């Protein structure tokens, strides 16, 4: 029943419909080569974003800097979505079904609700053990800036992880190879974060299935983006705990002391056994539903042989 809610988008709907005739365009249309093409659409947006941050926001004083920063993020988020959609239209000759707006808010809110509930539950458990203490609060405006910052950060990561890396590898080598490569690259992309160890990176690699599985099931970005945004926002933006080893100015200034298996230590909640177990189990359950719904695809060479037969 759950799978039927998302059955209107199939894996093949996200594959390129471009049928080039010349050798040059055939090479450029090769799935892994398209990563560079997508970059031509997304990198300029991020470059302009960086210029605004370093050349404008960091050069002015508060509160003007915060107000400009809010406007920057409100503009950048839709620009990223529009740029990716434009790439799909122009180069892959298809509609960006993964960003279709029909039911988008419901799916985004579903992911956000699940992540919010999990993080709140974990903080409650940590508090029961006496390992979480609120020292003071920052002004409420930080909640707005944090929600936008974590929303934009999660969007960029999900675009790269799901719409670019996973989707293109899957189109070439199938779903299972796409999952494996995406998990490894996403996890080890965080290895340079403060306080990371091989153990915490392995945790991140395996638990990130909770971000990929909803995309495989729905073939849309919204649940994964909502989950990722809310997790980071609640953990770091509200409760003031580290996010993947990086400390952000959260709404609450807190003191967290306790065993790493419970609190995650300097990594944040995702470094705890509680969060790791919950994310891994939830991700595998969603992946199981996706398998039962027929959302797994074979490598391209096997699909081509099947079509010939």
C-alpha atoms as a PDB file:
ATOM      1  CA  UNK A   1       0.000   0.000   0.000  1.00  0.00           C
ATOM      2  CA  UNK A   2       2.824   2.403   0.866  1.00  0.00           C
ATOM      3  CA  UNK A   3       4.640   1.629  -2.370  1.00  0.00           C
ATOM      4  CA  UNK A   4       1.514   2.336  -4.445  1.00  0.00           C
ATOM      5  CA  UNK A   5       1.603   5.962  -3.315  1.00  0.00           C
ATOM      6  CA  UNK A   6       4.819   6.474  -5.280  1.00  0.00           C
ATOM      7  CA  UNK A   7       4.269   4.065  -8.185  1.00  0.00           C
ATOM      8  CA  UNK A   8       3.545   6.816 -10.704  1.00  0.00           C
ATOM      9  CA  UNK A   9       7.282   7.483 -11.205  1.00  0.00           C
ATOM     10  CA  UNK A  10       9.414   4.602 -12.416  1.00  0.00           C
ATOM     11  CA  UNK A  11      13.242   4.382 -12.447  1.00  0.00           C
ATOM     12  CA  UNK A  12      13.395   4.688 -16.231  1.00  0.00           C
ATOM     13  CA  UNK A  13      11.609   8.042 -16.067  1.00  0.00           C
ATOM     14  CA  UNK A  14      14.832   9.480 -14.622  1.00  0.00           C
ATOM     15  CA  UNK A  15      17.075   8.147 -17.388  1.00  0.00           C
ATOM     16  CA  UNK A  16      18.230  10.411 -20.207  1.00  0.00           C
ATOM     17  CA  UNK A  17      15.943  10.543 -23.239  1.00  0.00           C
ATOM     18  CA  UNK A  18      18.622  12.192 -25.390  1.00  0.00           C
ATOM     19  CA  UNK A  19      19.414  10.098 -28.487  1.00  0.00           C
ATOM     20  CA  UNK A  20      22.573  11.635 -29.998  1.00  0.00           C
ATOM     21  CA  UNK A  21      23.840  10.639 -33.426  1.00  0.00           C
ATOM     22  CA  UNK A  22      27.371  12.068 -33.499  1.00  0.00           C
ATOM     23  CA  UNK A  23      30.242  10.460 -31.590  1.00  0.00           C
ATOM     24  CA  UNK A  24      30.924  13.664 -29.642  1.00  0.00           C
ATOM     25  CA  UNK A  25      27.389  13.884 -28.243  1.00  0.00           C
ATOM     26  CA  UNK A  26      27.291  10.144 -27.586  1.00  0.00           C
ATOM     27  CA  UNK A  27      30.409  10.490 -25.450  1.00  0.00           C
ATOM     28  CA  UNK A  28      28.982  13.504 -23.650  1.00  0.00           C
ATOM     29  CA  UNK A  29      25.711  11.659 -23.054  1.00  0.00           C
ATOM     30  CA  UNK A  30      27.516   8.763 -21.355  1.00  0.00           C
ATOM     31  CA  UNK A  31      26.093   8.730 -17.792  1.00  0.00           C
ATOM     32  CA  UNK A  32      29.356   9.458 -15.968  1.00  0.00           C
ATOM     33  CA  UNK A  33      30.305  12.196 -18.447  1.00  0.00           C
ATOM     34  CA  UNK A  34      27.043  13.937 -17.666  1.00  0.00           C
ATOM     35  CA  UNK A  35      28.358  14.750 -14.203  1.00  0.00           C
ATOM     36  CA  UNK A  36      30.522  17.425 -15.838  1.00  0.00           C
ATOM     37  CA  UNK A  37      27.565  18.707 -17.851  1.00  0.00           C
ATOM     38  CA  UNK A  38      25.403  19.058 -14.742  1.00  0.00           C
ATOM     39  CA  UNK A  39      28.256  20.939 -13.087  1.00  0.00           C
ATOM     40  CA  UNK A  40      28.033  23.572 -15.817  1.00  0.00           C
ATOM     41  CA  UNK A  41      24.494  24.300 -14.638  1.00  0.00           C
ATOM     42  CA  UNK A  42      25.034  24.147 -10.857  1.00  0.00           C
ATOM     43  CA  UNK A  43      28.563  25.477 -10.302  1.00  0.00           C
ATOM     44  CA  UNK A  44      27.805  29.046 -11.479  1.00  0.00           C
ATOM     45  CA  UNK A  45      25.010  29.274  -8.894  1.00  0.00           C
ATOM     46  CA  UNK A  46      27.344  28.153  -6.117  1.00  0.00           C
ATOM     47  CA  UNK A  47      30.135  30.436  -7.372  1.00  0.00           C
ATOM     48  CA  UNK A  48      27.853  33.481  -7.215  1.00  0.00           C
ATOM     49  CA  UNK A  49      26.680  32.295  -3.811  1.00  0.00           C
ATOM     50  CA  UNK A  50      30.282  32.176  -2.590  1.00  0.00           C
ATOM     51  CA  UNK A  51      31.046  35.631  -3.943  1.00  0.00           C
ATOM     52  CA  UNK A  52      28.069  37.065  -2.053  1.00  0.00           C
ATOM     53  CA  UNK A  53      29.215  35.389   1.170  1.00  0.00           C
ATOM     54  CA  UNK A  54      32.868  36.420   1.036  1.00  0.00           C
ATOM     55  CA  UNK A  55      32.607  39.751  -0.751  1.00  0.00           C
ATOM     56  CA  UNK A  56      29.391  41.114   0.745  1.00  0.00           C
ATOM     57  CA  UNK A  57      28.116  39.349   3.862  1.00  0.00           C
ATOM     58  CA  UNK A  58      31.501  39.017   5.561  1.00  0.00           C
ATOM     59  CA  UNK A  59      32.266  42.677   4.824  1.00  0.00           C
ATOM     60  CA  UNK A  60      29.217  44.216   6.515  1.00  0.00           C
ATOM     61  CA  UNK A  61      28.188  44.372  10.142  1.00  0.00           C
ATOM     62  CA  UNK A  62      25.234  42.866  11.953  1.00  0.00           C
ATOM     63  CA  UNK A  63      22.258  42.883  11.705  1.00  0.00           C
ATOM     64  CA  UNK A  64      22.589  43.762   8.011  1.00  0.00           C
ATOM     65  CA  UNK A  65      24.841  40.757   7.380  1.00  0.00           C
ATOM     66  CA  UNK A  66      22.212  38.352   8.719  1.00  0.00           C
ATOM     67  CA  UNK A  67      19.441  39.973   6.677  1.00  0.00           C
ATOM     68  CA  UNK A  68      21.493  39.742   3.476  1.00  0.00           C
ATOM     69  CA  UNK A  69      22.368  36.147   4.317  1.00  0.00           C
ATOM     70  CA  UNK A  70      18.685  35.243   4.684  1.00  0.00           C
ATOM     71  CA  UNK A  71      17.864  36.797   1.309  1.00  0.00           C
ATOM     72  CA  UNK A  72      20.841  34.994  -0.271  1.00  0.00           C
ATOM     73  CA  UNK A  73      19.612  31.595   0.883  1.00  0.00           C
ATOM     74  CA  UNK A  74      15.981  32.261  -0.041  1.00  0.00           C
ATOM     75  CA  UNK A  75      17.130  33.056  -3.589  1.00  0.00           C
ATOM     76  CA  UNK A  76      19.755  30.310  -3.899  1.00  0.00           C
ATOM     77  CA  UNK A  77      17.503  27.368  -2.955  1.00  0.00           C
ATOM     78  CA  UNK A  78      15.018  27.780  -5.848  1.00  0.00           C
ATOM     79  CA  UNK A  79      17.852  28.708  -8.221  1.00  0.00           C
ATOM     80  CA  UNK A  80      19.510  25.325  -7.574  1.00  0.00           C
ATOM     81  CA  UNK A  81      16.242  23.519  -8.289  1.00  0.00           C
ATOM     82  CA  UNK A  82      15.586  25.563 -11.419  1.00  0.00           C
ATOM     83  CA  UNK A  83      19.134  25.055 -12.718  1.00  0.00           C
ATOM     84  CA  UNK A  84      18.942  21.285 -12.314  1.00  0.00           C
ATOM     85  CA  UNK A  85      15.503  21.181 -13.936  1.00  0.00           C
ATOM     86  CA  UNK A  86      16.854  23.259 -16.819  1.00  0.00           C
ATOM     87  CA  UNK A  87      19.702  20.770 -17.296  1.00  0.00           C
ATOM     88  CA  UNK A  88      17.205  17.907 -17.537  1.00  0.00           C
ATOM     89  CA  UNK A  89      15.120  19.777 -20.119  1.00  0.00           C
ATOM     90  CA  UNK A  90      18.022  21.005 -22.211  1.00  0.00           C
ATOM     91  CA  UNK A  91      20.410  18.067 -22.150  1.00  0.00           C
ATOM     92  CA  UNK A  92      18.548  14.905 -21.132  1.00  0.00           C
ATOM     93  CA  UNK A  93      15.416  15.931 -23.087  1.00  0.00           C
ATOM     94  CA  UNK A  94      13.074  14.988 -20.262  1.00  0.00           C
ATOM     95  CA  UNK A  95      11.076  16.482 -17.447  1.00  0.00           C
ATOM     96  CA  UNK A  96      12.806  16.496 -14.055  1.00  0.00           C
ATOM     97  CA  UNK A  97      10.334  14.102 -12.441  1.00  0.00           C
ATOM     98  CA  UNK A  98      12.579  13.910  -9.381  1.00  0.00           C
ATOM     99  CA  UNK A  99      11.750  17.564  -8.710  1.00  0.00           C
ATOM    100  CA  UNK A 100       8.090  17.535  -9.741  1.00  0.00           C
ATOM    101  CA  UNK A 101       6.018  19.693  -7.398  1.00  0.00           C
ATOM    102  CA  UNK A 102       2.874  17.560  -7.223  1.00  0.00           C
ATOM    103  CA  UNK A 103       2.728  16.439  -3.586  1.00  0.00           C
ATOM    104  CA  UNK A 104       6.228  17.799  -2.921  1.00  0.00           C
ATOM    105  CA  UNK A 105       5.383  19.500   0.364  1.00  0.00           C
ATOM    106  CA  UNK A 106       3.675  16.398   1.744  1.00  0.00           C
ATOM    107  CA  UNK A 107       6.710  14.261   0.980  1.00  0.00           C
ATOM    108  CA  UNK A 108       9.156  16.878   2.275  1.00  0.00           C
ATOM    109  CA  UNK A 109       7.182  17.247   5.495  1.00  0.00           C
ATOM    110  CA  UNK A 110       7.005  13.465   5.892  1.00  0.00           C
ATOM    111  CA  UNK A 111      10.787  13.216   5.802  1.00  0.00           C
ATOM    112  CA  UNK A 112      11.146  16.225   8.097  1.00  0.00           C
ATOM    113  CA  UNK A 113       8.638  14.832  10.583  1.00  0.00           C
ATOM    114  CA  UNK A 114      10.422  11.488  10.813  1.00  0.00           C
ATOM    115  CA  UNK A 115      13.832  13.123  11.342  1.00  0.00           C
ATOM    116  CA  UNK A 116      12.461  15.629  13.859  1.00  0.00           C
ATOM    117  CA  UNK A 117      10.829  12.832  15.842  1.00  0.00           C
ATOM    118  CA  UNK A 118      13.994  10.725  15.863  1.00  0.00           C
ATOM    119  CA  UNK A 119      16.337  13.535  16.939  1.00  0.00           C
ATOM    120  CA  UNK A 120      13.895  14.694  19.630  1.00  0.00           C
ATOM    121  CA  UNK A 121      13.599  11.126  20.911  1.00  0.00           C
ATOM    122  CA  UNK A 122      17.363  10.724  21.068  1.00  0.00           C
ATOM    123  CA  UNK A 123      17.798  14.020  22.939  1.00  0.00           C
ATOM    124  CA  UNK A 124      15.082  12.947  25.373  1.00  0.00           C
ATOM    125  CA  UNK A 125      16.893   9.663  26.023  1.00  0.00           C
ATOM    126  CA  UNK A 126      20.204  11.469  26.486  1.00  0.00           C
ATOM    127  CA  UNK A 127      18.476  13.806  28.954  1.00  0.00           C
ATOM    128  CA  UNK A 128      17.084  10.853  30.920  1.00  0.00           C
ATOM    129  CA  UNK A 129      20.662   9.676  31.434  1.00  0.00           C
ATOM    130  CA  UNK A 130      21.595  13.162  32.686  1.00  0.00           C
ATOM    131  CA  UNK A 131      23.912  13.835  29.735  1.00  0.00           C
ATOM    132  CA  UNK A 132      22.107  16.823  28.200  1.00  0.00           C
ATOM    133  CA  UNK A 133      21.844  20.257  29.822  1.00  0.00           C
ATOM    134  CA  UNK A 134      20.513  23.546  28.381  1.00  0.00           C
ATOM    135  CA  UNK A 135      22.690  26.459  29.496  1.00  0.00           C
ATOM    136  CA  UNK A 136      21.014  29.363  27.662  1.00  0.00           C
ATOM    137  CA  UNK A 137      19.231  30.388  24.477  1.00  0.00           C
ATOM    138  CA  UNK A 138      20.266  32.515  21.537  1.00  0.00           C
ATOM    139  CA  UNK A 139      17.833  34.975  19.868  1.00  0.00           C
ATOM    140  CA  UNK A 140      15.012  33.221  18.000  1.00  0.00           C
ATOM    141  CA  UNK A 141      16.197  34.688  14.674  1.00  0.00           C
ATOM    142  CA  UNK A 142      18.914  32.017  14.641  1.00  0.00           C
ATOM    143  CA  UNK A 143      16.181  29.436  14.050  1.00  0.00           C
ATOM    144  CA  UNK A 144      15.295  31.087  10.730  1.00  0.00           C
ATOM    145  CA  UNK A 145      18.892  31.423   9.565  1.00  0.00           C
ATOM    146  CA  UNK A 146      19.692  27.850  10.651  1.00  0.00           C
ATOM    147  CA  UNK A 147      16.626  26.398   8.910  1.00  0.00           C
ATOM    148  CA  UNK A 148      17.622  28.078   5.646  1.00  0.00           C
ATOM    149  CA  UNK A 149      21.314  27.226   6.011  1.00  0.00           C
ATOM    150  CA  UNK A 150      20.699  23.551   6.750  1.00  0.00           C
ATOM    151  CA  UNK A 151      17.970  23.431   4.111  1.00  0.00           C
ATOM    152  CA  UNK A 152      20.293  24.777   1.438  1.00  0.00           C
ATOM    153  CA  UNK A 153      23.190  22.587   2.566  1.00  0.00           C
ATOM    154  CA  UNK A 154      21.014  19.474   2.562  1.00  0.00           C
ATOM    155  CA  UNK A 155      19.587  20.359  -0.858  1.00  0.00           C
ATOM    156  CA  UNK A 156      23.017  20.734  -2.420  1.00  0.00           C
ATOM    157  CA  UNK A 157      24.205  17.460  -0.889  1.00  0.00           C
ATOM    158  CA  UNK A 158      21.077  15.588  -1.972  1.00  0.00           C
ATOM    159  CA  UNK A 159      21.273  16.984  -5.501  1.00  0.00           C
ATOM    160  CA  UNK A 160      24.859  15.747  -5.758  1.00  0.00           C
ATOM    161  CA  UNK A 161      24.299  12.448  -3.920  1.00  0.00           C
ATOM    162  CA  UNK A 162      20.959  11.419  -5.411  1.00  0.00           C
ATOM    163  CA  UNK A 163      20.159  13.376  -8.580  1.00  0.00           C
ATOM    164  CA  UNK A 164      23.704  13.339  -9.914  1.00  0.00           C
ATOM    165  CA  UNK A 165      25.846  10.575  -8.440  1.00  0.00           C
ATOM    166  CA  UNK A 166      23.343   7.847  -7.604  1.00  0.00           C
ATOM    167  CA  UNK A 167      21.037   8.487 -10.560  1.00  0.00           C
ATOM    168  CA  UNK A 168      23.772   8.480 -13.205  1.00  0.00           C
ATOM    169  CA  UNK A 169      25.627   5.480 -11.776  1.00  0.00           C
ATOM    170  CA  UNK A 170      22.319   3.610 -11.531  1.00  0.00           C
ATOM    171  CA  UNK A 171      21.485   4.398 -15.161  1.00  0.00           C
ATOM    172  CA  UNK A 172      24.797   2.831 -16.172  1.00  0.00           C
ATOM    173  CA  UNK A 173      25.480   0.085 -13.631  1.00  0.00           C
ATOM    174  CA  UNK A 174      22.158  -0.543 -11.894  1.00  0.00           C
ATOM    175  CA  UNK A 175      20.636   0.243  -8.522  1.00  0.00           C
ATOM    176  CA  UNK A 176      22.868  -1.866  -6.290  1.00  0.00           C
ATOM    177  CA  UNK A 177      26.105  -0.479  -7.688  1.00  0.00           C
ATOM    178  CA  UNK A 178      24.605   3.018  -7.478  1.00  0.00           C
ATOM    179  CA  UNK A 179      23.830   2.502  -3.797  1.00  0.00           C
ATOM    180  CA  UNK A 180      27.295   1.157  -2.980  1.00  0.00           C
ATOM    181  CA  UNK A 181      29.221   3.908  -4.762  1.00  0.00           C
ATOM    182  CA  UNK A 182      26.982   6.690  -3.464  1.00  0.00           C
ATOM    183  CA  UNK A 183      27.204   5.536   0.146  1.00  0.00           C
ATOM    184  CA  UNK A 184      30.992   5.263   0.056  1.00  0.00           C
ATOM    185  CA  UNK A 185      31.541   8.631  -1.637  1.00  0.00           C
ATOM    186  CA  UNK A 186      29.039  10.435   0.595  1.00  0.00           C
ATOM    187  CA  UNK A 187      30.513   8.952   3.754  1.00  0.00           C
ATOM    188  CA  UNK A 188      34.138   9.546   2.899  1.00  0.00           C
ATOM    189  CA  UNK A 189      33.386  13.070   1.676  1.00  0.00           C
ATOM    190  CA  UNK A 190      33.017  13.854   5.395  1.00  0.00           C
ATOM    191  CA  UNK A 191      36.310  12.269   6.432  1.00  0.00           C
ATOM    192  CA  UNK A 192      38.050  15.655   6.676  1.00  0.00           C
ATOM    193  CA  UNK A 193      35.435  17.014   9.093  1.00  0.00           C
ATOM    194  CA  UNK A 194      36.693  17.691  12.625  1.00  0.00           C
ATOM    195  CA  UNK A 195      36.782  14.741  15.044  1.00  0.00           C
ATOM    196  CA  UNK A 196      36.042  12.116  12.391  1.00  0.00           C
ATOM    197  CA  UNK A 197      37.524   8.641  12.693  1.00  0.00           C
ATOM    198  CA  UNK A 198      37.344   5.582  10.461  1.00  0.00           C
ATOM    199  CA  UNK A 199      34.649   4.226  12.787  1.00  0.00           C
ATOM    200  CA  UNK A 200      32.443   7.315  12.554  1.00  0.00           C
ATOM    201  CA  UNK A 201      32.888   7.483   8.783  1.00  0.00           C
ATOM    202  CA  UNK A 202      31.784   3.836   8.510  1.00  0.00           C
ATOM    203  CA  UNK A 203      28.753   4.736  10.639  1.00  0.00           C
ATOM    204  CA  UNK A 204      27.964   7.575   8.255  1.00  0.00           C
ATOM    205  CA  UNK A 205      28.468   5.402   5.164  1.00  0.00           C
ATOM    206  CA  UNK A 206      26.050   2.714   6.351  1.00  0.00           C
ATOM    207  CA  UNK A 207      23.439   4.968   7.963  1.00  0.00           C
ATOM    208  CA  UNK A 208      23.213   7.165   4.855  1.00  0.00           C
ATOM    209  CA  UNK A 209      21.025   4.464   3.335  1.00  0.00           C
ATOM    210  CA  UNK A 210      18.235   6.344   5.127  1.00  0.00           C
ATOM    211  CA  UNK A 211      18.743   9.162   2.598  1.00  0.00           C
ATOM    212  CA  UNK A 212      19.096   7.020  -0.524  1.00  0.00           C
ATOM    213  CA  UNK A 213      16.282   4.521   0.103  1.00  0.00           C
ATOM    214  CA  UNK A 214      13.407   7.070  -0.013  1.00  0.00           C
ATOM    215  CA  UNK A 215      14.730   8.360  -3.347  1.00  0.00           C
ATOM    216  CA  UNK A 216      14.780   4.817  -4.748  1.00  0.00           C
ATOM    217  CA  UNK A 217      11.195   4.258  -3.600  1.00  0.00           C
ATOM    218  CA  UNK A 218       9.678   7.595  -4.620  1.00  0.00           C
ATOM    219  CA  UNK A 219      12.106   8.562  -7.412  1.00  0.00           C
ATOM    220  CA  UNK A 220      11.726  12.085  -6.052  1.00  0.00           C
ATOM    221  CA  UNK A 221      14.020  14.256  -3.940  1.00  0.00           C
ATOM    222  CA  UNK A 222      11.546  15.534  -1.371  1.00  0.00           C
ATOM    223  CA  UNK A 223      11.470  12.905   1.394  1.00  0.00           C
ATOM    224  CA  UNK A 224      15.257  12.634   1.481  1.00  0.00           C
ATOM    225  CA  UNK A 225      15.734  16.404   1.432  1.00  0.00           C
ATOM    226  CA  UNK A 226      13.168  16.903   4.191  1.00  0.00           C
ATOM    227  CA  UNK A 227      14.759  14.214   6.362  1.00  0.00           C
ATOM    228  CA  UNK A 228      18.290  15.542   5.853  1.00  0.00           C
ATOM    229  CA  UNK A 229      17.279  19.158   6.503  1.00  0.00           C
ATOM    230  CA  UNK A 230      15.293  18.438   9.653  1.00  0.00           C
ATOM    231  CA  UNK A 231      17.924  16.087  11.087  1.00  0.00           C
ATOM    232  CA  UNK A 232      20.706  18.668  10.787  1.00  0.00           C
ATOM    233  CA  UNK A 233      18.454  21.543  11.835  1.00  0.00           C
ATOM    234  CA  UNK A 234      17.155  19.829  14.978  1.00  0.00           C
ATOM    235  CA  UNK A 235      20.515  18.366  15.984  1.00  0.00           C
ATOM    236  CA  UNK A 236      22.660  21.449  15.433  1.00  0.00           C
ATOM    237  CA  UNK A 237      20.305  24.335  14.687  1.00  0.00           C
ATOM    238  CA  UNK A 238      17.984  23.767  17.645  1.00  0.00           C
ATOM    239  CA  UNK A 239      19.724  21.575  20.224  1.00  0.00           C
ATOM    240  CA  UNK A 240      23.193  23.023  19.608  1.00  0.00           C
ATOM    241  CA  UNK A 241      24.933  19.663  19.199  1.00  0.00           C
ATOM    242  CA  UNK A 242      27.722  19.063  16.648  1.00  0.00           C
ATOM    243  CA  UNK A 243      26.694  18.103  13.130  1.00  0.00           C
ATOM    244  CA  UNK A 244      29.084  15.573  11.567  1.00  0.00           C
ATOM    245  CA  UNK A 245      31.808  16.898  13.867  1.00  0.00           C
ATOM    246  CA  UNK A 246      31.203  20.591  13.093  1.00  0.00           C
ATOM    247  CA  UNK A 247      29.847  22.928  15.767  1.00  0.00           C
ATOM    248  CA  UNK A 248      27.204  25.433  14.654  1.00  0.00           C
ATOM    249  CA  UNK A 249      25.564  28.269  16.637  1.00  0.00           C
ATOM    250  CA  UNK A 250      22.326  26.543  17.631  1.00  0.00           C
ATOM    251  CA  UNK A 251      19.309  28.135  19.265  1.00  0.00           C
ATOM    252  CA  UNK A 252      20.164  26.292  22.487  1.00  0.00           C
ATOM    253  CA  UNK A 253      23.602  26.531  24.033  1.00  0.00           C
ATOM    254  CA  UNK A 254      23.941  23.105  25.582  1.00  0.00           C
ATOM    255  CA  UNK A 255      26.306  20.918  27.533  1.00  0.00           C
ATOM    256  CA  UNK A 256      26.453  17.285  26.434  1.00  0.00           C
ATOM    257  CA  UNK A 257      28.507  14.869  28.499  1.00  0.00           C
ATOM    258  CA  UNK A 258      28.153  11.130  28.489  1.00  0.00           C
ATOM    259  CA  UNK A 259      29.212   7.883  26.826  1.00  0.00           C
ATOM    260  CA  UNK A 260      29.830   8.168  23.085  1.00  0.00           C
ATOM    261  CA  UNK A 261      27.510   5.236  22.339  1.00  0.00           C
ATOM    262  CA  UNK A 262      24.687   7.407  23.733  1.00  0.00           C
ATOM    263  CA  UNK A 263      25.599  10.988  22.765  1.00  0.00           C
ATOM    264  CA  UNK A 264      27.801  10.514  19.706  1.00  0.00           C
ATOM    265  CA  UNK A 265      30.481  12.616  21.387  1.00  0.00           C
ATOM    266  CA  UNK A 266      32.135  15.321  19.309  1.00  0.00           C
ATOM    267  CA  UNK A 267      30.531  13.982  16.115  1.00  0.00           C
ATOM    268  CA  UNK A 268      26.946  14.601  17.148  1.00  0.00           C
ATOM    269  CA  UNK A 269      24.004  12.259  17.457  1.00  0.00           C
ATOM    270  CA  UNK A 270      24.775  10.441  14.194  1.00  0.00           C
ATOM    271  CA  UNK A 271      27.929   9.152  15.905  1.00  0.00           C
ATOM    272  CA  UNK A 272      25.876   7.315  18.538  1.00  0.00           C
ATOM    273  CA  UNK A 273      24.781   3.714  18.360  1.00  0.00           C
ATOM    274  CA  UNK A 274      21.194   4.857  18.883  1.00  0.00           C
ATOM    275  CA  UNK A 275      21.057   7.005  15.758  1.00  0.00           C
ATOM    276  CA  UNK A 276      23.164   4.630  13.688  1.00  0.00           C
ATOM    277  CA  UNK A 277      20.882   1.687  14.469  1.00  0.00           C
ATOM    278  CA  UNK A 278      17.680   3.667  13.876  1.00  0.00           C
ATOM    279  CA  UNK A 279      18.862   5.150  10.553  1.00  0.00           C
ATOM    280  CA  UNK A 280      20.190   1.835   9.276  1.00  0.00           C
ATOM    281  CA  UNK A 281      17.032  -0.088  10.170  1.00  0.00           C
ATOM    282  CA  UNK A 282      14.721   2.613   8.784  1.00  0.00           C
ATOM    283  CA  UNK A 283      16.732   2.880   5.569  1.00  0.00           C
ATOM    284  CA  UNK A 284      16.745  -0.890   5.045  1.00  0.00           C
ATOM    285  CA  UNK A 285      12.994  -1.086   5.662  1.00  0.00           C
ATOM    286  CA  UNK A 286      12.310   1.590   3.051  1.00  0.00           C
ATOM    287  CA  UNK A 287      14.713  -0.143   0.661  1.00  0.00           C
ATOM    288  CA  UNK A 288      12.829  -3.411   1.192  1.00  0.00           C
ATOM    289  CA  UNK A 289       9.575  -1.677   0.241  1.00  0.00           C
ATOM    290  CA  UNK A 290      11.302  -0.267  -2.853  1.00  0.00           C
ATOM    291  CA  UNK A 291      12.454  -3.760  -3.862  1.00  0.00           C
ATOM    292  CA  UNK A 292       8.930  -5.147  -3.429  1.00  0.00           C
ATOM    293  CA  UNK A 293       7.589  -2.218  -5.498  1.00  0.00           C
ATOM    294  CA  UNK A 294       9.894  -3.066  -8.398  1.00  0.00           C
ATOM    295  CA  UNK A 295      12.023   0.074  -8.121  1.00  0.00           C
ATOM    296  CA  UNK A 296      15.350  -1.764  -8.573  1.00  0.00           C
ATOM    297  CA  UNK A 297      16.930  -1.700 -12.043  1.00  0.00           C
ATOM    298  CA  UNK A 298      19.606  -3.876 -13.625  1.00  0.00           C
ATOM    299  CA  UNK A 299      22.807  -2.543 -15.244  1.00  0.00           C
ATOM    300  CA  UNK A 300      22.360  -0.975 -18.665  1.00  0.00           C
ATOM    301  CA  UNK A 301      24.023  -3.837 -20.537  1.00  0.00           C
ATOM    302  CA  UNK A 302      21.580  -6.320 -18.987  1.00  0.00           C
ATOM    303  CA  UNK A 303      18.620  -4.080 -19.762  1.00  0.00           C
ATOM    304  CA  UNK A 304      19.749  -3.840 -23.390  1.00  0.00           C
ATOM    305  CA  UNK A 305      20.113  -7.619 -23.702  1.00  0.00           C
ATOM    306  CA  UNK A 306      16.640  -8.050 -22.210  1.00  0.00           C
ATOM    307  CA  UNK A 307      15.170  -5.647 -24.767  1.00  0.00           C
ATOM    308  CA  UNK A 308      16.812  -7.569 -27.647  1.00  0.00           C
ATOM    309  CA  UNK A 309      15.452 -10.871 -26.373  1.00  0.00           C
END
